[in-house]
Amino acid sequence: MSSKQEDTKPKVSSKKVAKKKATAVRKKTVVKKKVAGKAANKAAPSISYAEYRERIAMAAYFIAEKRLFENGLPEEDWHQAEKEVNEALAAEGLIVEPG
């Protein structure tokens, strides 16, 4: 390029360049904070304590039914059902709300 063509290009000061970079950084930071805020607002999926107890009761019933309601203790059925329900909830990524 000739020196004549170089003179016709608008000159950008280093202050303007720095200001544009700072603005871009601020915008990126604001976007990251908004995304992080949305993720923080999403609570882990959960079920109520009443639903949790209902699931255990149903599972205990089916355990007793499987052995034809003979030769077993309801407490053992309940504990086994509780274990099965807890494993299923963990697999689904659900938590139980305090009740």
PDB file of N, CA and C in Angstrom:
ATOM      1  N   MET A   1       0.831  -1.173   0.000  1.00  0.00           N
ATOM      2  CA  MET A   1       0.000   0.000   0.000  1.00  0.00           C
ATOM      3  C   MET A   1       0.875   1.235   0.000  1.00  0.00           C
ATOM      4  N   SER A   2       0.350   2.226  -0.604  1.00  0.00           N
ATOM      5  CA  SER A   2       1.108   3.472  -0.607  1.00  0.00           C
ATOM      6  C   SER A   2       0.805   4.238   0.664  1.00  0.00           C
ATOM      7  N   SER A   3       1.648   5.173   0.962  1.00  0.00           N
ATOM      8  CA  SER A   3       1.452   5.956   2.172  1.00  0.00           C
ATOM      9  C   SER A   3       0.200   6.801   2.088  1.00  0.00           C
ATOM     10  N   LYS A   4      -0.239   7.122   0.856  1.00  0.00           N
ATOM     11  CA  LYS A   4      -1.453   7.908   0.666  1.00  0.00           C
ATOM     12  C   LYS A   4      -2.687   7.102   1.116  1.00  0.00           C
ATOM     13  N   GLN A   5      -2.726   5.813   0.774  1.00  0.00           N
ATOM     14  CA  GLN A   5      -3.855   4.969   1.150  1.00  0.00           C
ATOM     15  C   GLN A   5      -3.886   4.740   2.655  1.00  0.00           C
ATOM     16  N   GLU A   6      -2.745   4.611   3.264  1.00  0.00           N
ATOM     17  CA  GLU A   6      -2.683   4.407   4.703  1.00  0.00           C
ATOM     18  C   GLU A   6      -3.230   5.605   5.453  1.00  0.00           C
ATOM     19  N   ASP A   7      -3.016   6.791   4.928  1.00  0.00           N
ATOM     20  CA  ASP A   7      -3.485   8.005   5.581  1.00  0.00           C
ATOM     21  C   ASP A   7      -4.999   8.133   5.538  1.00  0.00           C
ATOM     22  N   THR A   8      -5.652   7.510   4.556  1.00  0.00           N
ATOM     23  CA  THR A   8      -7.097   7.654   4.438  1.00  0.00           C
ATOM     24  C   THR A   8      -7.862   6.712   5.364  1.00  0.00           C
ATOM     25  N   LYS A   9      -7.212   5.695   5.895  1.00  0.00           N
ATOM     26  CA  LYS A   9      -7.887   4.780   6.819  1.00  0.00           C
ATOM     27  C   LYS A   9      -8.132   5.490   8.143  1.00  0.00           C
ATOM     28  N   PRO A  10      -9.325   5.282   8.710  1.00  0.00           N
ATOM     29  CA  PRO A  10      -9.570   5.909  10.013  1.00  0.00           C
ATOM     30  C   PRO A  10      -8.692   5.249  11.069  1.00  0.00           C
ATOM     31  N   LYS A  11      -8.165   6.024  11.913  1.00  0.00           N
ATOM     32  CA  LYS A  11      -7.302   5.525  12.977  1.00  0.00           C
ATOM     33  C   LYS A  11      -8.145   5.270  14.217  1.00  0.00           C
ATOM     34  N   VAL A  12      -7.916   4.131  14.819  1.00  0.00           N
ATOM     35  CA  VAL A  12      -8.638   3.757  16.023  1.00  0.00           C
ATOM     36  C   VAL A  12      -7.675   3.897  17.189  1.00  0.00           C
ATOM     37  N   SER A  13      -8.110   4.638  18.172  1.00  0.00           N
ATOM     38  CA  SER A  13      -7.216   4.840  19.306  1.00  0.00           C
ATOM     39  C   SER A  13      -7.181   3.590  20.180  1.00  0.00           C
ATOM     40  N   SER A  14      -6.116   3.446  20.908  1.00  0.00           N
ATOM     41  CA  SER A  14      -5.987   2.285  21.786  1.00  0.00           C
ATOM     42  C   SER A  14      -7.013   2.339  22.910  1.00  0.00           C
ATOM     43  N   LYS A  15      -7.470   3.524  23.265  1.00  0.00           N
ATOM     44  CA  LYS A  15      -8.500   3.652  24.304  1.00  0.00           C
ATOM     45  C   LYS A  15      -9.818   3.055  23.826  1.00  0.00           C
ATOM     46  N   LYS A  16     -10.165   3.293  22.554  1.00  0.00           N
ATOM     47  CA  LYS A  16     -11.411   2.748  22.016  1.00  0.00           C
ATOM     48  C   LYS A  16     -11.348   1.225  21.952  1.00  0.00           C
ATOM     49  N   VAL A  17     -10.208   0.710  21.544  1.00  0.00           N
ATOM     50  CA  VAL A  17     -10.044  -0.737  21.467  1.00  0.00           C
ATOM     51  C   VAL A  17     -10.172  -1.348  22.857  1.00  0.00           C
ATOM     52  N   ALA A  18      -9.537  -0.759  23.832  1.00  0.00           N
ATOM     53  CA  ALA A  18      -9.599  -1.259  25.208  1.00  0.00           C
ATOM     54  C   ALA A  18     -11.027  -1.196  25.738  1.00  0.00           C
ATOM     55  N   LYS A  19     -11.731  -0.117  25.387  1.00  0.00           N
ATOM     56  CA  LYS A  19     -13.118   0.036  25.852  1.00  0.00           C
ATOM     57  C   LYS A  19     -14.012  -1.043  25.249  1.00  0.00           C
ATOM     58  N   LYS A  20     -13.823  -1.336  23.949  1.00  0.00           N
ATOM     59  CA  LYS A  20     -14.619  -2.379  23.295  1.00  0.00           C
ATOM     60  C   LYS A  20     -14.342  -3.747  23.920  1.00  0.00           C
ATOM     61  N   LYS A  21     -13.070  -4.025  24.208  1.00  0.00           N
ATOM     62  CA  LYS A  21     -12.720  -5.306  24.824  1.00  0.00           C
ATOM     63  C   LYS A  21     -13.337  -5.423  26.215  1.00  0.00           C
ATOM     64  N   ALA A  22     -13.296  -4.345  26.976  1.00  0.00           N
ATOM     65  CA  ALA A  22     -13.867  -4.364  28.325  1.00  0.00           C
ATOM     66  C   ALA A  22     -15.374  -4.581  28.270  1.00  0.00           C
ATOM     67  N   THR A  23     -16.028  -3.948  27.301  1.00  0.00           N
ATOM     68  CA  THR A  23     -17.477  -4.120  27.151  1.00  0.00           C
ATOM     69  C   THR A  23     -17.801  -5.566  26.805  1.00  0.00           C
ATOM     70  N   ALA A  24     -17.029  -6.154  25.907  1.00  0.00           N
ATOM     71  CA  ALA A  24     -17.259  -7.546  25.520  1.00  0.00           C
ATOM     72  C   ALA A  24     -17.072  -8.479  26.710  1.00  0.00           C
ATOM     73  N   VAL A  25     -16.063  -8.232  27.517  1.00  0.00           N
ATOM     74  CA  VAL A  25     -15.817  -9.061  28.697  1.00  0.00           C
ATOM     75  C   VAL A  25     -16.974  -8.932  29.678  1.00  0.00           C
ATOM     76  N   ARG A  26     -17.472  -7.713  29.896  1.00  0.00           N
ATOM     77  CA  ARG A  26     -18.603  -7.507  30.814  1.00  0.00           C
ATOM     78  C   ARG A  26     -19.840  -8.244  30.323  1.00  0.00           C
ATOM     79  N   LYS A  27     -20.100  -8.190  29.013  1.00  0.00           N
ATOM     80  CA  LYS A  27     -21.276  -8.874  28.461  1.00  0.00           C
ATOM     81  C   LYS A  27     -21.166 -10.376  28.666  1.00  0.00           C
ATOM     82  N   LYS A  28     -19.983 -10.933  28.424  1.00  0.00           N
ATOM     83  CA  LYS A  28     -19.794 -12.372  28.628  1.00  0.00           C
ATOM     84  C   LYS A  28     -19.996 -12.745  30.090  1.00  0.00           C
ATOM     85  N   THR A  29     -19.519 -11.914  30.988  1.00  0.00           N
ATOM     86  CA  THR A  29     -19.660 -12.173  32.415  1.00  0.00           C
ATOM     87  C   THR A  29     -21.125 -12.157  32.821  1.00  0.00           C
ATOM     88  N   VAL A  30     -21.881 -11.192  32.302  1.00  0.00           N
ATOM     89  CA  VAL A  30     -23.312 -11.097  32.623  1.00  0.00           C
ATOM     90  C   VAL A  30     -24.036 -12.327  32.122  1.00  0.00           C
ATOM     91  N   VAL A  31     -23.727 -12.773  30.907  1.00  0.00           N
ATOM     92  CA  VAL A  31     -24.375 -13.964  30.349  1.00  0.00           C
ATOM     93  C   VAL A  31     -24.041 -15.186  31.203  1.00  0.00           C
ATOM     94  N   LYS A  32     -22.774 -15.345  31.608  1.00  0.00           N
ATOM     95  CA  LYS A  32     -22.390 -16.489  32.432  1.00  0.00           C
ATOM     96  C   LYS A  32     -23.119 -16.475  33.767  1.00  0.00           C
ATOM     97  N   LYS A  33     -23.263 -15.296  34.369  1.00  0.00           N
ATOM     98  CA  LYS A  33     -23.962 -15.199  35.649  1.00  0.00           C
ATOM     99  C   LYS A  33     -25.427 -15.565  35.495  1.00  0.00           C
ATOM    100  N   LYS A  34     -26.061 -15.130  34.388  1.00  0.00           N
ATOM    101  CA  LYS A  34     -27.467 -15.464  34.174  1.00  0.00           C
ATOM    102  C   LYS A  34     -27.641 -16.965  34.007  1.00  0.00           C
ATOM    103  N   VAL A  35     -26.757 -17.588  33.239  1.00  0.00           N
ATOM    104  CA  VAL A  35     -26.839 -19.037  33.030  1.00  0.00           C
ATOM    105  C   VAL A  35     -26.611 -19.768  34.342  1.00  0.00           C
ATOM    106  N   ALA A  36     -25.627 -19.333  35.111  1.00  0.00           N
ATOM    107  CA  ALA A  36     -25.341 -19.962  36.403  1.00  0.00           C
ATOM    108  C   ALA A  36     -26.521 -19.780  37.354  1.00  0.00           C
ATOM    109  N   GLY A  37     -27.147 -18.623  37.328  1.00  0.00           N
ATOM    110  CA  GLY A  37     -28.296 -18.361  38.186  1.00  0.00           C
ATOM    111  C   GLY A  37     -29.471 -19.257  37.850  1.00  0.00           C
ATOM    112  N   LYS A  38     -29.697 -19.479  36.568  1.00  0.00           N
ATOM    113  CA  LYS A  38     -30.788 -20.360  36.159  1.00  0.00           C
ATOM    114  C   LYS A  38     -30.528 -21.784  36.613  1.00  0.00           C
ATOM    115  N   ALA A  39     -29.289 -22.220  36.503  1.00  0.00           N
ATOM    116  CA  ALA A  39     -28.949 -23.582  36.938  1.00  0.00           C
ATOM    117  C   ALA A  39     -29.115 -23.724  38.439  1.00  0.00           C
ATOM    118  N   ALA A  40     -28.770 -22.688  39.180  1.00  0.00           N
ATOM    119  CA  ALA A  40     -28.888 -22.737  40.635  1.00  0.00           C
ATOM    120  C   ALA A  40     -30.353 -22.724  41.062  1.00  0.00           C
ATOM    121  N   ASN A  41     -31.208 -22.075  40.271  1.00  0.00           N
ATOM    122  CA  ASN A  41     -32.623 -21.989  40.621  1.00  0.00           C
ATOM    123  C   ASN A  41     -33.339 -23.313  40.405  1.00  0.00           C
ATOM    124  N   LYS A  42     -32.805 -24.158  39.554  1.00  0.00           N
ATOM    125  CA  LYS A  42     -33.443 -25.444  39.306  1.00  0.00           C
ATOM    126  C   LYS A  42     -33.138 -26.365  40.482  1.00  0.00           C
ATOM    127  N   ALA A  43     -34.175 -26.737  41.180  1.00  0.00           N
ATOM    128  CA  ALA A  43     -34.002 -27.644  42.315  1.00  0.00           C
ATOM    129  C   ALA A  43     -33.952 -29.070  41.786  1.00  0.00           C
ATOM    130  N   ALA A  44     -33.343 -29.924  42.549  1.00  0.00           N
ATOM    131  CA  ALA A  44     -33.305 -31.324  42.176  1.00  0.00           C
ATOM    132  C   ALA A  44     -34.734 -31.862  42.172  1.00  0.00           C
ATOM    133  N   PRO A  45     -35.061 -32.721  41.221  1.00  0.00           N
ATOM    134  CA  PRO A  45     -36.410 -33.282  41.191  1.00  0.00           C
ATOM    135  C   PRO A  45     -36.683 -34.032  42.492  1.00  0.00           C
ATOM    136  N   SER A  46     -37.896 -33.888  42.989  1.00  0.00           N
ATOM    137  CA  SER A  46     -38.199 -34.513  44.272  1.00  0.00           C
ATOM    138  C   SER A  46     -39.631 -35.037  44.300  1.00  0.00           C
ATOM    139  N   ILE A  47     -39.885 -35.867  45.297  1.00  0.00           N
ATOM    140  CA  ILE A  47     -41.242 -36.340  45.566  1.00  0.00           C
ATOM    141  C   ILE A  47     -41.558 -35.999  47.019  1.00  0.00           C
ATOM    142  N   SER A  48     -42.834 -35.928  47.317  1.00  0.00           N
ATOM    143  CA  SER A  48     -43.229 -35.608  48.689  1.00  0.00           C
ATOM    144  C   SER A  48     -43.001 -36.826  49.587  1.00  0.00           C
ATOM    145  N   TYR A  49     -42.935 -36.541  50.874  1.00  0.00           N
ATOM    146  CA  TYR A  49     -42.745 -37.618  51.838  1.00  0.00           C
ATOM    147  C   TYR A  49     -43.944 -38.572  51.811  1.00  0.00           C
ATOM    148  N   ALA A  50     -45.134 -38.029  51.602  1.00  0.00           N
ATOM    149  CA  ALA A  50     -46.337 -38.858  51.539  1.00  0.00           C
ATOM    150  C   ALA A  50     -46.268 -39.826  50.354  1.00  0.00           C
ATOM    151  N   GLU A  51     -45.797 -39.325  49.206  1.00  0.00           N
ATOM    152  CA  GLU A  51     -45.671 -40.194  48.035  1.00  0.00           C
ATOM    153  C   GLU A  51     -44.604 -41.260  48.271  1.00  0.00           C
ATOM    154  N   TYR A  52     -43.533 -40.866  48.948  1.00  0.00           N
ATOM    155  CA  TYR A  52     -42.461 -41.804  49.285  1.00  0.00           C
ATOM    156  C   TYR A  52     -43.009 -42.940  50.134  1.00  0.00           C
ATOM    157  N   ARG A  53     -43.783 -42.612  51.173  1.00  0.00           N
ATOM    158  CA  ARG A  53     -44.364 -43.634  52.050  1.00  0.00           C
ATOM    159  C   ARG A  53     -45.350 -44.517  51.279  1.00  0.00           C
ATOM    160  N   GLU A  54     -46.093 -43.907  50.360  1.00  0.00           N
ATOM    161  CA  GLU A  54     -47.054 -44.673  49.568  1.00  0.00           C
ATOM    162  C   GLU A  54     -46.329 -45.679  48.671  1.00  0.00           C
ATOM    163  N   ARG A  55     -45.219 -45.269  48.087  1.00  0.00           N
ATOM    164  CA  ARG A  55     -44.437 -46.180  47.251  1.00  0.00           C
ATOM    165  C   ARG A  55     -43.913 -47.356  48.073  1.00  0.00           C
ATOM    166  N   ILE A  56     -43.463 -47.072  49.278  1.00  0.00           N
ATOM    167  CA  ILE A  56     -42.961 -48.150  50.142  1.00  0.00           C
ATOM    168  C   ILE A  56     -44.093 -49.101  50.503  1.00  0.00           C
ATOM    169  N   ALA A  57     -45.252 -48.553  50.847  1.00  0.00           N
ATOM    170  CA  ALA A  57     -46.388 -49.396  51.222  1.00  0.00           C
ATOM    171  C   ALA A  57     -46.806 -50.304  50.070  1.00  0.00           C
ATOM    172  N   MET A  58     -46.834 -49.742  48.870  1.00  0.00           N
ATOM    173  CA  MET A  58     -47.215 -50.553  47.704  1.00  0.00           C
ATOM    174  C   MET A  58     -46.175 -51.647  47.449  1.00  0.00           C
ATOM    175  N   ALA A  59     -44.904 -51.289  47.546  1.00  0.00           N
ATOM    176  CA  ALA A  59     -43.850 -52.276  47.320  1.00  0.00           C
ATOM    177  C   ALA A  59     -43.906 -53.373  48.380  1.00  0.00           C
ATOM    178  N   ALA A  60     -44.168 -53.007  49.629  1.00  0.00           N
ATOM    179  CA  ALA A  60     -44.272 -54.000  50.705  1.00  0.00           C
ATOM    180  C   ALA A  60     -45.454 -54.937  50.448  1.00  0.00           C
ATOM    181  N   TYR A  61     -46.543 -54.385  49.964  1.00  0.00           N
ATOM    182  CA  TYR A  61     -47.712 -55.202  49.646  1.00  0.00           C
ATOM    183  C   TYR A  61     -47.353 -56.231  48.571  1.00  0.00           C
ATOM    184  N   PHE A  62     -46.690 -55.786  47.519  1.00  0.00           N
ATOM    185  CA  PHE A  62     -46.345 -56.699  46.426  1.00  0.00           C
ATOM    186  C   PHE A  62     -45.327 -57.757  46.867  1.00  0.00           C
ATOM    187  N   ILE A  63     -44.456 -57.395  47.787  1.00  0.00           N
ATOM    188  CA  ILE A  63     -43.511 -58.381  48.333  1.00  0.00           C
ATOM    189  C   ILE A  63     -44.275 -59.462  49.086  1.00  0.00           C
ATOM    190  N   ALA A  64     -45.230 -59.065  49.924  1.00  0.00           N
ATOM    191  CA  ALA A  64     -46.036 -60.028  50.681  1.00  0.00           C
ATOM    192  C   ALA A  64     -46.909 -60.857  49.747  1.00  0.00           C
ATOM    193  N   GLU A  65     -47.456 -60.206  48.720  1.00  0.00           N
ATOM    194  CA  GLU A  65     -48.306 -60.907  47.761  1.00  0.00           C
ATOM    195  C   GLU A  65     -47.513 -61.986  47.015  1.00  0.00           C
ATOM    196  N   LYS A  66     -46.255 -61.681  46.704  1.00  0.00           N
ATOM    197  CA  LYS A  66     -45.409 -62.617  45.970  1.00  0.00           C
ATOM    198  C   LYS A  66     -45.224 -63.918  46.741  1.00  0.00           C
ATOM    199  N   ARG A  67     -45.190 -63.840  48.064  1.00  0.00           N
ATOM    200  CA  ARG A  67     -45.052 -65.053  48.878  1.00  0.00           C
ATOM    201  C   ARG A  67     -46.413 -65.520  49.386  1.00  0.00           C
ATOM    202  N   LEU A  68     -47.476 -65.027  48.771  1.00  0.00           N
ATOM    203  CA  LEU A  68     -48.865 -65.399  49.061  1.00  0.00           C
ATOM    204  C   LEU A  68     -49.272 -65.072  50.499  1.00  0.00           C
ATOM    205  N   PHE A  69     -48.702 -64.015  51.048  1.00  0.00           N
ATOM    206  CA  PHE A  69     -49.026 -63.509  52.389  1.00  0.00           C
ATOM    207  C   PHE A  69     -48.804 -64.551  53.492  1.00  0.00           C
ATOM    208  N   GLU A  70     -47.903 -65.478  53.254  1.00  0.00           N
ATOM    209  CA  GLU A  70     -47.631 -66.519  54.240  1.00  0.00           C
ATOM    210  C   GLU A  70     -46.178 -66.456  54.695  1.00  0.00           C
ATOM    211  N   ASN A  71     -45.973 -66.867  55.930  1.00  0.00           N
ATOM    212  CA  ASN A  71     -44.627 -67.032  56.484  1.00  0.00           C
ATOM    213  C   ASN A  71     -43.744 -65.792  56.323  1.00  0.00           C
ATOM    214  N   GLY A  72     -44.212 -64.687  56.768  1.00  0.00           N
ATOM    215  CA  GLY A  72     -43.399 -63.488  56.692  1.00  0.00           C
ATOM    216  C   GLY A  72     -43.812 -62.476  57.741  1.00  0.00           C
ATOM    217  N   LEU A  73     -42.962 -61.500  57.950  1.00  0.00           N
ATOM    218  CA  LEU A  73     -43.267 -60.429  58.892  1.00  0.00           C
ATOM    219  C   LEU A  73     -43.469 -59.125  58.126  1.00  0.00           C
ATOM    220  N   PRO A  74     -44.511 -58.384  58.470  1.00  0.00           N
ATOM    221  CA  PRO A  74     -44.752 -57.108  57.787  1.00  0.00           C
ATOM    222  C   PRO A  74     -43.564 -56.139  57.899  1.00  0.00           C
ATOM    223  N   GLU A  75     -42.872 -56.185  59.050  1.00  0.00           N
ATOM    224  CA  GLU A  75     -41.725 -55.286  59.227  1.00  0.00           C
ATOM    225  C   GLU A  75     -40.601 -55.617  58.252  1.00  0.00           C
ATOM    226  N   GLU A  76     -40.376 -56.902  58.013  1.00  0.00           N
ATOM    227  CA  GLU A  76     -39.346 -57.312  57.063  1.00  0.00           C
ATOM    228  C   GLU A  76     -39.722 -56.889  55.646  1.00  0.00           C
ATOM    229  N   ASP A  77     -41.003 -57.059  55.318  1.00  0.00           N
ATOM    230  CA  ASP A  77     -41.482 -56.629  54.001  1.00  0.00           C
ATOM    231  C   ASP A  77     -41.269 -55.117  53.836  1.00  0.00           C
ATOM    232  N   TRP A  78     -41.577 -54.386  54.895  1.00  0.00           N
ATOM    233  CA  TRP A  78     -41.444 -52.922  54.851  1.00  0.00           C
ATOM    234  C   TRP A  78     -39.984 -52.526  54.639  1.00  0.00           C
ATOM    235  N   HIS A  79     -39.086 -53.147  55.370  1.00  0.00           N
ATOM    236  CA  HIS A  79     -37.666 -52.804  55.245  1.00  0.00           C
ATOM    237  C   HIS A  79     -37.119 -53.158  53.861  1.00  0.00           C
ATOM    238  N   GLN A  80     -37.538 -54.284  53.347  1.00  0.00           N
ATOM    239  CA  GLN A  80     -37.109 -54.667  52.005  1.00  0.00           C
ATOM    240  C   GLN A  80     -37.677 -53.683  50.972  1.00  0.00           C
ATOM    241  N   ALA A  81     -38.935 -53.324  51.140  1.00  0.00           N
ATOM    242  CA  ALA A  81     -39.571 -52.378  50.219  1.00  0.00           C
ATOM    243  C   ALA A  81     -38.889 -51.008  50.293  1.00  0.00           C
ATOM    244  N   GLU A  82     -38.545 -50.601  51.502  1.00  0.00           N
ATOM    245  CA  GLU A  82     -37.865 -49.314  51.697  1.00  0.00           C
ATOM    246  C   GLU A  82     -36.528 -49.297  50.940  1.00  0.00           C
ATOM    247  N   LYS A  83     -35.801 -50.396  51.036  1.00  0.00           N
ATOM    248  CA  LYS A  83     -34.518 -50.500  50.343  1.00  0.00           C
ATOM    249  C   LYS A  83     -34.718 -50.419  48.827  1.00  0.00           C
ATOM    250  N   GLU A  84     -35.703 -51.145  48.321  1.00  0.00           N
ATOM    251  CA  GLU A  84     -35.975 -51.150  46.881  1.00  0.00           C
ATOM    252  C   GLU A  84     -36.404 -49.762  46.382  1.00  0.00           C
ATOM    253  N   VAL A  85     -37.253 -49.099  47.144  1.00  0.00           N
ATOM    254  CA  VAL A  85     -37.726 -47.766  46.756  1.00  0.00           C
ATOM    255  C   VAL A  85     -36.567 -46.773  46.776  1.00  0.00           C
ATOM    256  N   ASN A  86     -35.733 -46.826  47.789  1.00  0.00           N
ATOM    257  CA  ASN A  86     -34.585 -45.922  47.863  1.00  0.00           C
ATOM    258  C   ASN A  86     -33.635 -46.122  46.688  1.00  0.00           C
ATOM    259  N   GLU A  87     -33.408 -47.377  46.300  1.00  0.00           N
ATOM    260  CA  GLU A  87     -32.556 -47.661  45.147  1.00  0.00           C
ATOM    261  C   GLU A  87     -33.182 -47.123  43.862  1.00  0.00           C
ATOM    262  N   ALA A  88     -34.502 -47.285  43.717  1.00  0.00           N
ATOM    263  CA  ALA A  88     -35.191 -46.790  42.526  1.00  0.00           C
ATOM    264  C   ALA A  88     -35.149 -45.259  42.456  1.00  0.00           C
ATOM    265  N   LEU A  89     -35.342 -44.614  43.600  1.00  0.00           N
ATOM    266  CA  LEU A  89     -35.291 -43.146  43.620  1.00  0.00           C
ATOM    267  C   LEU A  89     -33.898 -42.648  43.270  1.00  0.00           C
ATOM    268  N   ALA A  90     -32.878 -43.318  43.772  1.00  0.00           N
ATOM    269  CA  ALA A  90     -31.500 -42.927  43.459  1.00  0.00           C
ATOM    270  C   ALA A  90     -31.226 -43.089  41.967  1.00  0.00           C
ATOM    271  N   ALA A  91     -31.735 -44.162  41.388  1.00  0.00           N
ATOM    272  CA  ALA A  91     -31.555 -44.400  39.947  1.00  0.00           C
ATOM    273  C   ALA A  91     -32.257 -43.328  39.125  1.00  0.00           C
ATOM    274  N   GLU A  92     -33.395 -42.845  39.612  1.00  0.00           N
ATOM    275  CA  GLU A  92     -34.146 -41.805  38.907  1.00  0.00           C
ATOM    276  C   GLU A  92     -33.616 -40.407  39.197  1.00  0.00           C
ATOM    277  N   GLY A  93     -32.757 -40.288  40.201  1.00  0.00           N
ATOM    278  CA  GLY A  93     -32.222 -38.979  40.568  1.00  0.00           C
ATOM    279  C   GLY A  93     -33.208 -38.143  41.364  1.00  0.00           C
ATOM    280  N   LEU A  94     -34.124 -38.792  42.055  1.00  0.00           N
ATOM    281  CA  LEU A  94     -35.133 -38.096  42.851  1.00  0.00           C
ATOM    282  C   LEU A  94     -34.720 -38.048  44.312  1.00  0.00           C
ATOM    283  N   ILE A  95     -35.134 -36.990  44.971  1.00  0.00           N
ATOM    284  CA  ILE A  95     -34.932 -36.881  46.416  1.00  0.00           C
ATOM    285  C   ILE A  95     -36.294 -36.770  47.080  1.00  0.00           C
ATOM    286  N   VAL A  96     -36.345 -37.092  48.354  1.00  0.00           N
ATOM    287  CA  VAL A  96     -37.595 -37.019  49.109  1.00  0.00           C
ATOM    288  C   VAL A  96     -37.618 -35.706  49.884  1.00  0.00           C
ATOM    289  N   GLU A  97     -38.713 -34.960  49.721  1.00  0.00           N
ATOM    290  CA  GLU A  97     -38.863 -33.714  50.455  1.00  0.00           C
ATOM    291  C   GLU A  97     -39.085 -34.053  51.926  1.00  0.00           C
ATOM    292  N   PRO A  98     -38.540 -33.250  52.823  1.00  0.00           N
ATOM    293  CA  PRO A  98     -38.780 -33.508  54.243  1.00  0.00           C
ATOM    294  C   PRO A  98     -40.270 -33.424  54.552  1.00  0.00           C
ATOM    295  N   GLY A  99     -40.720 -34.323  55.342  1.00  0.00           N
ATOM    296  CA  GLY A  99     -42.149 -34.347  55.608  1.00  0.00           C
ATOM    297  C   GLY A  99     -42.409 -34.294  57.042  1.00  0.00           C
TER     298      GLY A  99
END
